[in-house]
Amino acid sequence: MTIPRVLAAVILTCAIARPAAADDPPFIIGSRPSWTLLGGLTTGGTVLLADRGAFVGGELSLAVLREASFAGVYTDAYYDWGASGTYVTAGAELGHKFVGLDGGVALRFANGGTDVGVTGRLTVGLGVAGVFARYAHFIDTMTDEDVIQVGLVLKLQLWTGGR
């Protein structure tokens, strides 16, 4: 290339180039985080430490995904025929690839009263289905202080944003 051609290329590049605008997305190396809202069905059974019985209900979670990890919040509610009552749990969730851990507060509405406690759940999932084991401990209750449940959760993506 000759000097006039190089000079012409530099002038043309400078004429085309513009400074970044405030609404331009930042330059990112690696994956971009995205938000997702998931909803679905949860079912299983209370198997130890409490009145045994099947349960069925629903679950919602909102999480940010980045590469193979996620973090977010969840809530679920289900009727347990063993306790003859309804459970509602809510809290934080973390996971990497196909293993997830969540925990938080648990409420049990049974026998005309409300029990308050804490819960934790380990889930192993693939795609839309996951199997889980949950432990819950209720405070100041006369029956079934501790509950161990196993089950299946089926969740579908309801919304995605932030890409």
C-alpha atoms as a PDB file:
ATOM      1  CA  MET A   1       0.000   0.000   0.000  1.00  0.00           C
ATOM      2  CA  THR A   2       1.177   3.455  -0.704  1.00  0.00           C
ATOM      3  CA  ILE A   3       1.109   6.335   1.739  1.00  0.00           C
ATOM      4  CA  PRO A   4      -1.846   8.078   0.019  1.00  0.00           C
ATOM      5  CA  ARG A   5      -3.897   4.864   0.258  1.00  0.00           C
ATOM      6  CA  VAL A   6      -3.010   4.363   3.974  1.00  0.00           C
ATOM      7  CA  LEU A   7      -3.861   8.010   4.653  1.00  0.00           C
ATOM      8  CA  ALA A   8      -7.173   7.621   2.811  1.00  0.00           C
ATOM      9  CA  ALA A   9      -7.976   4.465   4.833  1.00  0.00           C
ATOM     10  CA  VAL A  10      -7.253   6.249   8.142  1.00  0.00           C
ATOM     11  CA  ILE A  11      -9.392   9.261   7.164  1.00  0.00           C
ATOM     12  CA  LEU A  12     -12.245   6.983   6.056  1.00  0.00           C
ATOM     13  CA  THR A  13     -12.052   4.977   9.312  1.00  0.00           C
ATOM     14  CA  CYS A  14     -12.109   8.149  11.410  1.00  0.00           C
ATOM     15  CA  ALA A  15     -15.068   9.482   9.438  1.00  0.00           C
ATOM     16  CA  ILE A  16     -17.071   6.280   9.960  1.00  0.00           C
ATOM     17  CA  ALA A  17     -16.113   5.716  13.605  1.00  0.00           C
ATOM     18  CA  ARG A  18     -18.183   7.409  16.258  1.00  0.00           C
ATOM     19  CA  PRO A  19     -17.938   7.608  20.029  1.00  0.00           C
ATOM     20  CA  ALA A  20     -20.037   5.151  22.039  1.00  0.00           C
ATOM     21  CA  ALA A  21     -23.500   6.415  22.893  1.00  0.00           C
ATOM     22  CA  ALA A  22     -24.906   6.159  26.420  1.00  0.00           C
ATOM     23  CA  ASP A  23     -27.430   3.531  25.347  1.00  0.00           C
ATOM     24  CA  ASP A  24     -24.845   1.249  23.686  1.00  0.00           C
ATOM     25  CA  PRO A  25     -24.462  -2.064  25.530  1.00  0.00           C
ATOM     26  CA  PRO A  26     -21.102  -2.492  27.269  1.00  0.00           C
ATOM     27  CA  PHE A  27     -18.449  -4.732  25.799  1.00  0.00           C
ATOM     28  CA  ILE A  28     -18.580  -8.038  27.694  1.00  0.00           C
ATOM     29  CA  ILE A  29     -16.202 -10.971  27.530  1.00  0.00           C
ATOM     30  CA  GLY A  30     -17.962 -14.240  28.355  1.00  0.00           C
ATOM     31  CA  SER A  31     -21.629 -14.973  28.800  1.00  0.00           C
ATOM     32  CA  ARG A  32     -24.142 -12.274  29.598  1.00  0.00           C
ATOM     33  CA  PRO A  33     -26.412 -12.736  32.585  1.00  0.00           C
ATOM     34  CA  SER A  34     -30.079 -13.253  31.828  1.00  0.00           C
ATOM     35  CA  TRP A  35     -33.121 -13.267  34.072  1.00  0.00           C
ATOM     36  CA  THR A  36     -35.701 -16.014  33.897  1.00  0.00           C
ATOM     37  CA  LEU A  37     -39.080 -16.604  35.553  1.00  0.00           C
ATOM     38  CA  LEU A  38     -39.969 -20.273  35.998  1.00  0.00           C
ATOM     39  CA  GLY A  39     -43.258 -21.785  37.100  1.00  0.00           C
ATOM     40  CA  GLY A  40     -44.595 -25.263  37.493  1.00  0.00           C
ATOM     41  CA  LEU A  41     -45.822 -28.203  39.518  1.00  0.00           C
ATOM     42  CA  THR A  42     -44.345 -29.758  42.651  1.00  0.00           C
ATOM     43  CA  THR A  43     -45.400 -33.141  43.990  1.00  0.00           C
ATOM     44  CA  GLY A  44     -44.112 -35.839  46.284  1.00  0.00           C
ATOM     45  CA  GLY A  45     -44.552 -37.113  49.788  1.00  0.00           C
ATOM     46  CA  THR A  46     -43.707 -36.550  53.412  1.00  0.00           C
ATOM     47  CA  VAL A  47     -41.634 -39.619  54.243  1.00  0.00           C
ATOM     48  CA  LEU A  48     -40.026 -39.180  57.698  1.00  0.00           C
ATOM     49  CA  LEU A  49     -40.476 -37.507  61.090  1.00  0.00           C
ATOM     50  CA  ALA A  50     -44.071 -36.408  60.484  1.00  0.00           C
ATOM     51  CA  ASP A  51     -47.460 -37.711  59.391  1.00  0.00           C
ATOM     52  CA  ARG A  52     -46.723 -39.395  56.083  1.00  0.00           C
ATOM     53  CA  GLY A  53     -48.714 -38.418  53.033  1.00  0.00           C
ATOM     54  CA  ALA A  54     -48.629 -37.169  49.469  1.00  0.00           C
ATOM     55  CA  PHE A  55     -48.532 -33.510  48.506  1.00  0.00           C
ATOM     56  CA  VAL A  56     -49.148 -31.499  45.333  1.00  0.00           C
ATOM     57  CA  GLY A  57     -48.869 -27.797  44.556  1.00  0.00           C
ATOM     58  CA  GLY A  58     -47.162 -25.120  42.512  1.00  0.00           C
ATOM     59  CA  GLU A  59     -43.864 -23.239  42.448  1.00  0.00           C
ATOM     60  CA  LEU A  60     -42.473 -19.961  41.052  1.00  0.00           C
ATOM     61  CA  SER A  61     -38.860 -18.828  40.895  1.00  0.00           C
ATOM     62  CA  LEU A  62     -37.030 -15.799  39.536  1.00  0.00           C
ATOM     63  CA  ALA A  63     -33.323 -16.300  38.913  1.00  0.00           C
ATOM     64  CA  VAL A  64     -30.401 -14.749  37.114  1.00  0.00           C
ATOM     65  CA  LEU A  65     -28.462 -17.190  34.936  1.00  0.00           C
ATOM     66  CA  ARG A  66     -24.794 -16.820  34.051  1.00  0.00           C
ATOM     67  CA  GLU A  67     -22.833 -19.556  32.330  1.00  0.00           C
ATOM     68  CA  ALA A  68     -23.677 -22.734  34.277  1.00  0.00           C
ATOM     69  CA  SER A  69     -24.810 -21.074  37.535  1.00  0.00           C
ATOM     70  CA  PHE A  70     -27.978 -19.463  38.853  1.00  0.00           C
ATOM     71  CA  ALA A  71     -29.101 -17.432  41.875  1.00  0.00           C
ATOM     72  CA  GLY A  72     -32.513 -16.103  42.745  1.00  0.00           C
ATOM     73  CA  VAL A  73     -35.640 -16.337  44.855  1.00  0.00           C
ATOM     74  CA  TYR A  74     -38.449 -18.883  44.939  1.00  0.00           C
ATOM     75  CA  THR A  75     -41.801 -19.588  46.534  1.00  0.00           C
ATOM     76  CA  ASP A  76     -43.997 -22.656  46.546  1.00  0.00           C
ATOM     77  CA  ALA A  77     -47.298 -23.729  48.054  1.00  0.00           C
ATOM     78  CA  TYR A  78     -48.706 -27.231  48.321  1.00  0.00           C
ATOM     79  CA  TYR A  79     -51.354 -29.278  50.103  1.00  0.00           C
ATOM     80  CA  ASP A  80     -50.073 -32.215  52.158  1.00  0.00           C
ATOM     81  CA  TRP A  81     -52.602 -34.960  52.862  1.00  0.00           C
ATOM     82  CA  GLY A  82     -50.418 -36.361  55.689  1.00  0.00           C
ATOM     83  CA  ALA A  83     -50.535 -33.090  57.639  1.00  0.00           C
ATOM     84  CA  SER A  84     -54.058 -32.310  56.371  1.00  0.00           C
ATOM     85  CA  GLY A  85     -52.817 -28.840  55.684  1.00  0.00           C
ATOM     86  CA  THR A  86     -51.086 -26.416  53.362  1.00  0.00           C
ATOM     87  CA  TYR A  87     -47.391 -25.534  53.321  1.00  0.00           C
ATOM     88  CA  VAL A  88     -45.975 -22.285  51.901  1.00  0.00           C
ATOM     89  CA  THR A  89     -42.204 -21.815  51.620  1.00  0.00           C
ATOM     90  CA  ALA A  90     -40.127 -18.949  50.252  1.00  0.00           C
ATOM     91  CA  GLY A  91     -36.481 -18.011  50.168  1.00  0.00           C
ATOM     92  CA  ALA A  92     -33.246 -17.857  48.210  1.00  0.00           C
ATOM     93  CA  GLU A  93     -31.927 -20.367  45.690  1.00  0.00           C
ATOM     94  CA  LEU A  94     -28.457 -21.081  44.327  1.00  0.00           C
ATOM     95  CA  GLY A  95     -27.254 -23.665  41.863  1.00  0.00           C
ATOM     96  CA  HIS A  96     -24.594 -24.832  39.492  1.00  0.00           C
ATOM     97  CA  LYS A  97     -25.333 -26.977  36.428  1.00  0.00           C
ATOM     98  CA  PHE A  98     -27.862 -29.603  37.541  1.00  0.00           C
ATOM     99  CA  VAL A  99     -27.619 -29.204  41.357  1.00  0.00           C
ATOM    100  CA  GLY A 100     -29.641 -26.589  43.226  1.00  0.00           C
ATOM    101  CA  LEU A 101     -29.993 -25.613  46.873  1.00  0.00           C
ATOM    102  CA  ASP A 102     -32.734 -23.402  48.268  1.00  0.00           C
ATOM    103  CA  GLY A 103     -33.937 -22.429  51.689  1.00  0.00           C
ATOM    104  CA  GLY A 104     -35.883 -19.935  53.685  1.00  0.00           C
ATOM    105  CA  VAL A 105     -39.029 -19.600  55.722  1.00  0.00           C
ATOM    106  CA  ALA A 106     -41.765 -22.243  55.930  1.00  0.00           C
ATOM    107  CA  LEU A 107     -45.383 -21.804  56.980  1.00  0.00           C
ATOM    108  CA  ARG A 108     -47.747 -24.703  57.735  1.00  0.00           C
ATOM    109  CA  PHE A 109     -51.480 -24.085  57.948  1.00  0.00           C
ATOM    110  CA  ALA A 110     -52.987 -27.167  59.637  1.00  0.00           C
ATOM    111  CA  ASN A 111     -55.268 -28.103  62.556  1.00  0.00           C
ATOM    112  CA  GLY A 112     -56.688 -24.589  62.778  1.00  0.00           C
ATOM    113  CA  GLY A 113     -53.300 -22.976  63.381  1.00  0.00           C
ATOM    114  CA  THR A 114     -50.194 -21.664  61.679  1.00  0.00           C
ATOM    115  CA  ASP A 115     -46.712 -23.054  62.343  1.00  0.00           C
ATOM    116  CA  VAL A 116     -43.622 -21.040  61.408  1.00  0.00           C
ATOM    117  CA  GLY A 117     -40.280 -22.612  60.635  1.00  0.00           C
ATOM    118  CA  VAL A 118     -37.270 -22.874  58.350  1.00  0.00           C
ATOM    119  CA  THR A 119     -36.672 -25.120  55.373  1.00  0.00           C
ATOM    120  CA  GLY A 120     -33.912 -26.285  53.052  1.00  0.00           C
ATOM    121  CA  ARG A 121     -34.084 -28.297  49.834  1.00  0.00           C
ATOM    122  CA  LEU A 122     -31.537 -30.010  47.606  1.00  0.00           C
ATOM    123  CA  THR A 123     -32.634 -30.540  43.993  1.00  0.00           C
ATOM    124  CA  VAL A 124     -30.987 -32.531  41.221  1.00  0.00           C
ATOM    125  CA  GLY A 125     -32.485 -31.652  37.869  1.00  0.00           C
ATOM    126  CA  LEU A 126     -32.133 -32.055  34.172  1.00  0.00           C
ATOM    127  CA  GLY A 127     -34.142 -29.840  31.869  1.00  0.00           C
ATOM    128  CA  VAL A 128     -37.629 -29.146  33.155  1.00  0.00           C
ATOM    129  CA  ALA A 129     -37.685 -31.936  35.797  1.00  0.00           C
ATOM    130  CA  GLY A 130     -35.890 -32.254  39.100  1.00  0.00           C
ATOM    131  CA  VAL A 131     -36.003 -34.610  42.070  1.00  0.00           C
ATOM    132  CA  PHE A 132     -35.580 -33.122  45.521  1.00  0.00           C
ATOM    133  CA  ALA A 133     -35.250 -33.807  49.232  1.00  0.00           C
ATOM    134  CA  ARG A 134     -36.545 -31.139  51.636  1.00  0.00           C
ATOM    135  CA  TYR A 135     -36.107 -30.702  55.375  1.00  0.00           C
ATOM    136  CA  ALA A 136     -38.291 -28.355  57.429  1.00  0.00           C
ATOM    137  CA  HIS A 137     -38.132 -27.538  61.119  1.00  0.00           C
ATOM    138  CA  PHE A 138     -41.080 -25.810  62.781  1.00  0.00           C
ATOM    139  CA  ILE A 139     -40.731 -23.739  65.957  1.00  0.00           C
ATOM    140  CA  ASP A 140     -43.100 -23.871  68.946  1.00  0.00           C
ATOM    141  CA  THR A 141     -45.376 -26.602  67.641  1.00  0.00           C
ATOM    142  CA  MET A 142     -46.836 -29.526  69.567  1.00  0.00           C
ATOM    143  CA  THR A 143     -46.674 -32.025  66.689  1.00  0.00           C
ATOM    144  CA  ASP A 144     -44.381 -32.688  63.757  1.00  0.00           C
ATOM    145  CA  GLU A 145     -41.533 -30.297  64.567  1.00  0.00           C
ATOM    146  CA  ASP A 146     -39.386 -31.851  61.832  1.00  0.00           C
ATOM    147  CA  VAL A 147     -40.500 -32.881  58.353  1.00  0.00           C
ATOM    148  CA  ILE A 148     -38.578 -34.692  55.593  1.00  0.00           C
ATOM    149  CA  GLN A 149     -40.080 -34.759  52.113  1.00  0.00           C
ATOM    150  CA  VAL A 150     -39.008 -36.125  48.746  1.00  0.00           C
ATOM    151  CA  GLY A 151     -40.556 -35.141  45.475  1.00  0.00           C
ATOM    152  CA  LEU A 152     -40.498 -34.099  41.872  1.00  0.00           C
ATOM    153  CA  VAL A 153     -40.643 -30.567  40.484  1.00  0.00           C
ATOM    154  CA  LEU A 154     -41.556 -29.740  36.878  1.00  0.00           C
ATOM    155  CA  LYS A 155     -40.832 -26.118  35.910  1.00  0.00           C
ATOM    156  CA  LEU A 156     -41.228 -24.327  32.612  1.00  0.00           C
ATOM    157  CA  GLN A 157     -39.725 -21.030  31.540  1.00  0.00           C
ATOM    158  CA  LEU A 158     -42.421 -18.329  31.616  1.00  0.00           C
ATOM    159  CA  TRP A 159     -40.280 -15.245  30.825  1.00  0.00           C
ATOM    160  CA  THR A 160     -36.663 -14.375  29.980  1.00  0.00           C
ATOM    161  CA  GLY A 161     -35.024 -10.974  29.932  1.00  0.00           C
ATOM    162  CA  GLY A 162     -31.765  -9.095  30.136  1.00  0.00           C
ATOM    163  CA  ARG A 163     -29.866 -10.601  27.228  1.00  0.00           C
END
